[in-house]
Amino acid sequence: MNKKKVGPFAKTILPIIGAVLIVAGAVAYICLKLADEFRYNEKWKDYDECGMN
């Protein structure tokens, strides 16, 4: 049986790529949540002035 050995290049690069993808996903999620909150506040800001909460 021939077993393919994973070289040191793959052992160091794959975890780094995985970490970068996780960080990018977290940043994208935070940006989308902030944009959604901004849109929500913009939509309802006129009602804050009329006394309805």
PDB file of N, CA and C in Angstrom:
ATOM      1  N   MET A   1       0.831  -1.174   0.000  1.00  0.00           N
ATOM      2  CA  MET A   1       0.000   0.000   0.000  1.00  0.00           C
ATOM      3  C   MET A   1       0.885   1.250   0.000  1.00  0.00           C
ATOM      4  N   ASN A   2       0.570   2.101  -0.941  1.00  0.00           N
ATOM      5  CA  ASN A   2       1.276   3.377  -0.979  1.00  0.00           C
ATOM      6  C   ASN A   2       0.451   4.430  -0.248  1.00  0.00           C
ATOM      7  N   LYS A   3       1.027   4.985   0.759  1.00  0.00           N
ATOM      8  CA  LYS A   3       0.371   6.066   1.473  1.00  0.00           C
ATOM      9  C   LYS A   3       0.983   7.379   1.014  1.00  0.00           C
ATOM     10  N   LYS A   4       0.103   8.303   0.669  1.00  0.00           N
ATOM     11  CA  LYS A   4       0.599   9.623   0.302  1.00  0.00           C
ATOM     12  C   LYS A   4       0.910  10.384   1.569  1.00  0.00           C
ATOM     13  N   LYS A   5       2.086  10.943   1.621  1.00  0.00           N
ATOM     14  CA  LYS A   5       2.465  11.742   2.774  1.00  0.00           C
ATOM     15  C   LYS A   5       2.184  13.206   2.458  1.00  0.00           C
ATOM     16  N   VAL A   6       1.635  13.858   3.425  1.00  0.00           N
ATOM     17  CA  VAL A   6       1.373  15.279   3.277  1.00  0.00           C
ATOM     18  C   VAL A   6       2.635  16.009   3.684  1.00  0.00           C
ATOM     19  N   GLY A   7       3.090  16.862   2.792  1.00  0.00           N
ATOM     20  CA  GLY A   7       4.330  17.576   3.049  1.00  0.00           C
ATOM     21  C   GLY A   7       4.170  18.670   4.082  1.00  0.00           C
ATOM     22  N   PRO A   8       5.282  19.211   4.528  1.00  0.00           N
ATOM     23  CA  PRO A   8       5.227  20.268   5.532  1.00  0.00           C
ATOM     24  C   PRO A   8       4.561  21.543   4.993  1.00  0.00           C
ATOM     25  N   PHE A   9       4.608  21.712   3.686  1.00  0.00           N
ATOM     26  CA  PHE A   9       3.956  22.874   3.074  1.00  0.00           C
ATOM     27  C   PHE A   9       2.455  22.825   3.316  1.00  0.00           C
ATOM     28  N   ALA A  10       1.849  21.686   3.081  1.00  0.00           N
ATOM     29  CA  ALA A  10       0.405  21.542   3.271  1.00  0.00           C
ATOM     30  C   ALA A  10       0.044  21.590   4.753  1.00  0.00           C
ATOM     31  N   LYS A  11       0.907  21.106   5.610  1.00  0.00           N
ATOM     32  CA  LYS A  11       0.617  21.105   7.042  1.00  0.00           C
ATOM     33  C   LYS A  11       0.646  22.514   7.622  1.00  0.00           C
ATOM     34  N   THR A  12       1.363  23.424   7.007  1.00  0.00           N
ATOM     35  CA  THR A  12       1.417  24.791   7.529  1.00  0.00           C
ATOM     36  C   THR A  12       0.450  25.717   6.802  1.00  0.00           C
ATOM     37  N   ILE A  13       0.239  25.497   5.524  1.00  0.00           N
ATOM     38  CA  ILE A  13      -0.598  26.404   4.736  1.00  0.00           C
ATOM     39  C   ILE A  13      -2.079  26.158   4.969  1.00  0.00           C
ATOM     40  N   LEU A  14      -2.514  24.928   5.046  1.00  0.00           N
ATOM     41  CA  LEU A  14      -3.940  24.632   5.203  1.00  0.00           C
ATOM     42  C   LEU A  14      -4.536  25.197   6.489  1.00  0.00           C
ATOM     43  N   PRO A  15      -3.883  25.077   7.639  1.00  0.00           N
ATOM     44  CA  PRO A  15      -4.448  25.712   8.839  1.00  0.00           C
ATOM     45  C   PRO A  15      -4.492  27.237   8.739  1.00  0.00           C
ATOM     46  N   ILE A  16      -3.519  27.829   8.096  1.00  0.00           N
ATOM     47  CA  ILE A  16      -3.498  29.283   7.921  1.00  0.00           C
ATOM     48  C   ILE A  16      -4.657  29.709   7.029  1.00  0.00           C
ATOM     49  N   ILE A  17      -4.870  28.992   5.948  1.00  0.00           N
ATOM     50  CA  ILE A  17      -5.994  29.305   5.052  1.00  0.00           C
ATOM     51  C   ILE A  17      -7.319  29.131   5.798  1.00  0.00           C
ATOM     52  N   GLY A  18      -7.431  28.089   6.589  1.00  0.00           N
ATOM     53  CA  GLY A  18      -8.641  27.876   7.369  1.00  0.00           C
ATOM     54  C   GLY A  18      -8.894  29.007   8.361  1.00  0.00           C
ATOM     55  N   ALA A  19      -7.839  29.443   9.037  1.00  0.00           N
ATOM     56  CA  ALA A  19      -7.974  30.543   9.996  1.00  0.00           C
ATOM     57  C   ALA A  19      -8.364  31.837   9.293  1.00  0.00           C
ATOM     58  N   VAL A  20      -7.776  32.096   8.137  1.00  0.00           N
ATOM     59  CA  VAL A  20      -8.111  33.306   7.378  1.00  0.00           C
ATOM     60  C   VAL A  20      -9.564  33.268   6.936  1.00  0.00           C
ATOM     61  N   LEU A  21     -10.047  32.120   6.502  1.00  0.00           N
ATOM     62  CA  LEU A  21     -11.445  31.992   6.097  1.00  0.00           C
ATOM     63  C   LEU A  21     -12.399  32.217   7.274  1.00  0.00           C
ATOM     64  N   ILE A  22     -12.033  31.707   8.425  1.00  0.00           N
ATOM     65  CA  ILE A  22     -12.876  31.899   9.613  1.00  0.00           C
ATOM     66  C   ILE A  22     -12.909  33.374  10.007  1.00  0.00           C
ATOM     67  N   VAL A  23     -11.760  34.024  10.000  1.00  0.00           N
ATOM     68  CA  VAL A  23     -11.710  35.451  10.348  1.00  0.00           C
ATOM     69  C   VAL A  23     -12.479  36.269   9.321  1.00  0.00           C
ATOM     70  N   ALA A  24     -12.320  35.957   8.031  1.00  0.00           N
ATOM     71  CA  ALA A  24     -13.043  36.689   6.992  1.00  0.00           C
ATOM     72  C   ALA A  24     -14.551  36.499   7.141  1.00  0.00           C
ATOM     73  N   GLY A  25     -14.972  35.310   7.478  1.00  0.00           N
ATOM     74  CA  GLY A  25     -16.398  35.062   7.700  1.00  0.00           C
ATOM     75  C   GLY A  25     -16.925  35.843   8.896  1.00  0.00           C
ATOM     76  N   ALA A  26     -16.148  35.911   9.957  1.00  0.00           N
ATOM     77  CA  ALA A  26     -16.571  36.664  11.141  1.00  0.00           C
ATOM     78  C   ALA A  26     -16.657  38.154  10.839  1.00  0.00           C
ATOM     79  N   VAL A  27     -15.691  38.679  10.116  1.00  0.00           N
ATOM     80  CA  VAL A  27     -15.708  40.101   9.754  1.00  0.00           C
ATOM     81  C   VAL A  27     -16.892  40.397   8.840  1.00  0.00           C
ATOM     82  N   ALA A  28     -17.156  39.527   7.885  1.00  0.00           N
ATOM     83  CA  ALA A  28     -18.290  39.726   6.985  1.00  0.00           C
ATOM     84  C   ALA A  28     -19.601  39.701   7.765  1.00  0.00           C
ATOM     85  N   TYR A  29     -19.726  38.789   8.729  1.00  0.00           N
ATOM     86  CA  TYR A  29     -20.934  38.711   9.546  1.00  0.00           C
ATOM     87  C   TYR A  29     -21.127  39.998  10.347  1.00  0.00           C
ATOM     88  N   ILE A  30     -20.062  40.499  10.954  1.00  0.00           N
ATOM     89  CA  ILE A  30     -20.151  41.732  11.737  1.00  0.00           C
ATOM     90  C   ILE A  30     -20.530  42.905  10.849  1.00  0.00           C
ATOM     91  N   CYS A  31     -19.925  42.994   9.674  1.00  0.00           N
ATOM     92  CA  CYS A  31     -20.252  44.090   8.750  1.00  0.00           C
ATOM     93  C   CYS A  31     -21.709  44.029   8.307  1.00  0.00           C
ATOM     94  N   LEU A  32     -22.191  42.855   8.017  1.00  0.00           N
ATOM     95  CA  LEU A  32     -23.588  42.717   7.597  1.00  0.00           C
ATOM     96  C   LEU A  32     -24.549  43.059   8.731  1.00  0.00           C
ATOM     97  N   LYS A  33     -24.221  42.649   9.958  1.00  0.00           N
ATOM     98  CA  LYS A  33     -25.077  42.986  11.088  1.00  0.00           C
ATOM     99  C   LYS A  33     -25.089  44.493  11.328  1.00  0.00           C
ATOM    100  N   LEU A  34     -23.947  45.153  11.213  1.00  0.00           N
ATOM    101  CA  LEU A  34     -23.892  46.601  11.397  1.00  0.00           C
ATOM    102  C   LEU A  34     -24.670  47.317  10.303  1.00  0.00           C
ATOM    103  N   ALA A  35     -24.547  46.855   9.068  1.00  0.00           N
ATOM    104  CA  ALA A  35     -25.285  47.470   7.964  1.00  0.00           C
ATOM    105  C   ALA A  35     -26.784  47.278   8.156  1.00  0.00           C
ATOM    106  N   ASP A  36     -27.198  46.110   8.622  1.00  0.00           N
ATOM    107  CA  ASP A  36     -28.606  45.842   8.863  1.00  0.00           C
ATOM    108  C   ASP A  36     -29.139  46.747   9.975  1.00  0.00           C
ATOM    109  N   GLU A  37     -28.365  46.918  11.035  1.00  0.00           N
ATOM    110  CA  GLU A  37     -28.765  47.798  12.134  1.00  0.00           C
ATOM    111  C   GLU A  37     -28.871  49.249  11.658  1.00  0.00           C
ATOM    112  N   PHE A  38     -27.944  49.663  10.824  1.00  0.00           N
ATOM    113  CA  PHE A  38     -27.973  51.022  10.288  1.00  0.00           C
ATOM    114  C   PHE A  38     -29.224  51.242   9.442  1.00  0.00           C
ATOM    115  N   ARG A  39     -29.534  50.272   8.576  1.00  0.00           N
ATOM    116  CA  ARG A  39     -30.736  50.393   7.746  1.00  0.00           C
ATOM    117  C   ARG A  39     -31.993  50.439   8.599  1.00  0.00           C
ATOM    118  N   TYR A  40     -32.042  49.624   9.634  1.00  0.00           N
ATOM    119  CA  TYR A  40     -33.196  49.593  10.530  1.00  0.00           C
ATOM    120  C   TYR A  40     -33.365  50.949  11.227  1.00  0.00           C
ATOM    121  N   ASN A  41     -32.280  51.502  11.734  1.00  0.00           N
ATOM    122  CA  ASN A  41     -32.352  52.791  12.419  1.00  0.00           C
ATOM    123  C   ASN A  41     -32.735  53.906  11.462  1.00  0.00           C
ATOM    124  N   GLU A  42     -32.245  53.856  10.231  1.00  0.00           N
ATOM    125  CA  GLU A  42     -32.603  54.870   9.239  1.00  0.00           C
ATOM    126  C   GLU A  42     -34.092  54.803   8.910  1.00  0.00           C
ATOM    127  N   LYS A  43     -34.633  53.606   8.860  1.00  0.00           N
ATOM    128  CA  LYS A  43     -36.040  53.425   8.510  1.00  0.00           C
ATOM    129  C   LYS A  43     -36.951  54.001   9.586  1.00  0.00           C
ATOM    130  N   TRP A  44     -36.606  53.834  10.848  1.00  0.00           N
ATOM    131  CA  TRP A  44     -37.481  54.214  11.943  1.00  0.00           C
ATOM    132  C   TRP A  44     -37.090  55.512  12.640  1.00  0.00           C
ATOM    133  N   LYS A  45     -36.074  56.230  12.132  1.00  0.00           N
ATOM    134  CA  LYS A  45     -35.626  57.424  12.838  1.00  0.00           C
ATOM    135  C   LYS A  45     -36.686  58.527  12.842  1.00  0.00           C
ATOM    136  N   ASP A  46     -37.545  58.610  11.846  1.00  0.00           N
ATOM    137  CA  ASP A  46     -38.580  59.642  11.817  1.00  0.00           C
ATOM    138  C   ASP A  46     -39.607  59.438  12.923  1.00  0.00           C
ATOM    139  N   TYR A  47     -39.811  58.201  13.328  1.00  0.00           N
ATOM    140  CA  TYR A  47     -40.792  57.925  14.377  1.00  0.00           C
ATOM    141  C   TYR A  47     -40.260  58.254  15.762  1.00  0.00           C
ATOM    142  N   ASP A  48     -38.948  58.361  15.913  1.00  0.00           N
ATOM    143  CA  ASP A  48     -38.373  58.754  17.191  1.00  0.00           C
ATOM    144  C   ASP A  48     -38.748  60.201  17.525  1.00  0.00           C
ATOM    145  N   GLU A  49     -38.877  61.027  16.508  1.00  0.00           N
ATOM    146  CA  GLU A  49     -39.159  62.440  16.713  1.00  0.00           C
ATOM    147  C   GLU A  49     -40.618  62.686  17.052  1.00  0.00           C
ATOM    148  N   CYS A  50     -41.513  61.794  16.707  1.00  0.00           N
ATOM    149  CA  CYS A  50     -42.940  62.028  16.941  1.00  0.00           C
ATOM    150  C   CYS A  50     -43.394  61.536  18.309  1.00  0.00           C
ATOM    151  N   GLY A  51     -42.516  60.935  19.071  1.00  0.00           N
ATOM    152  CA  GLY A  51     -42.862  60.515  20.425  1.00  0.00           C
ATOM    153  C   GLY A  51     -43.303  59.077  20.532  1.00  0.00           C
ATOM    154  N   MET A  52     -43.396  58.364  19.433  1.00  0.00           N
ATOM    155  CA  MET A  52     -43.759  56.943  19.491  1.00  0.00           C
ATOM    156  C   MET A  52     -42.488  56.120  19.646  1.00  0.00           C
ATOM    157  N   ASN A  53     -42.475  55.247  20.639  1.00  0.00           N
ATOM    158  CA  ASN A  53     -41.291  54.405  20.839  1.00  0.00           C
ATOM    159  C   ASN A  53     -41.643  52.971  20.725  1.00  0.00           C
TER     160      ASN A  53
END
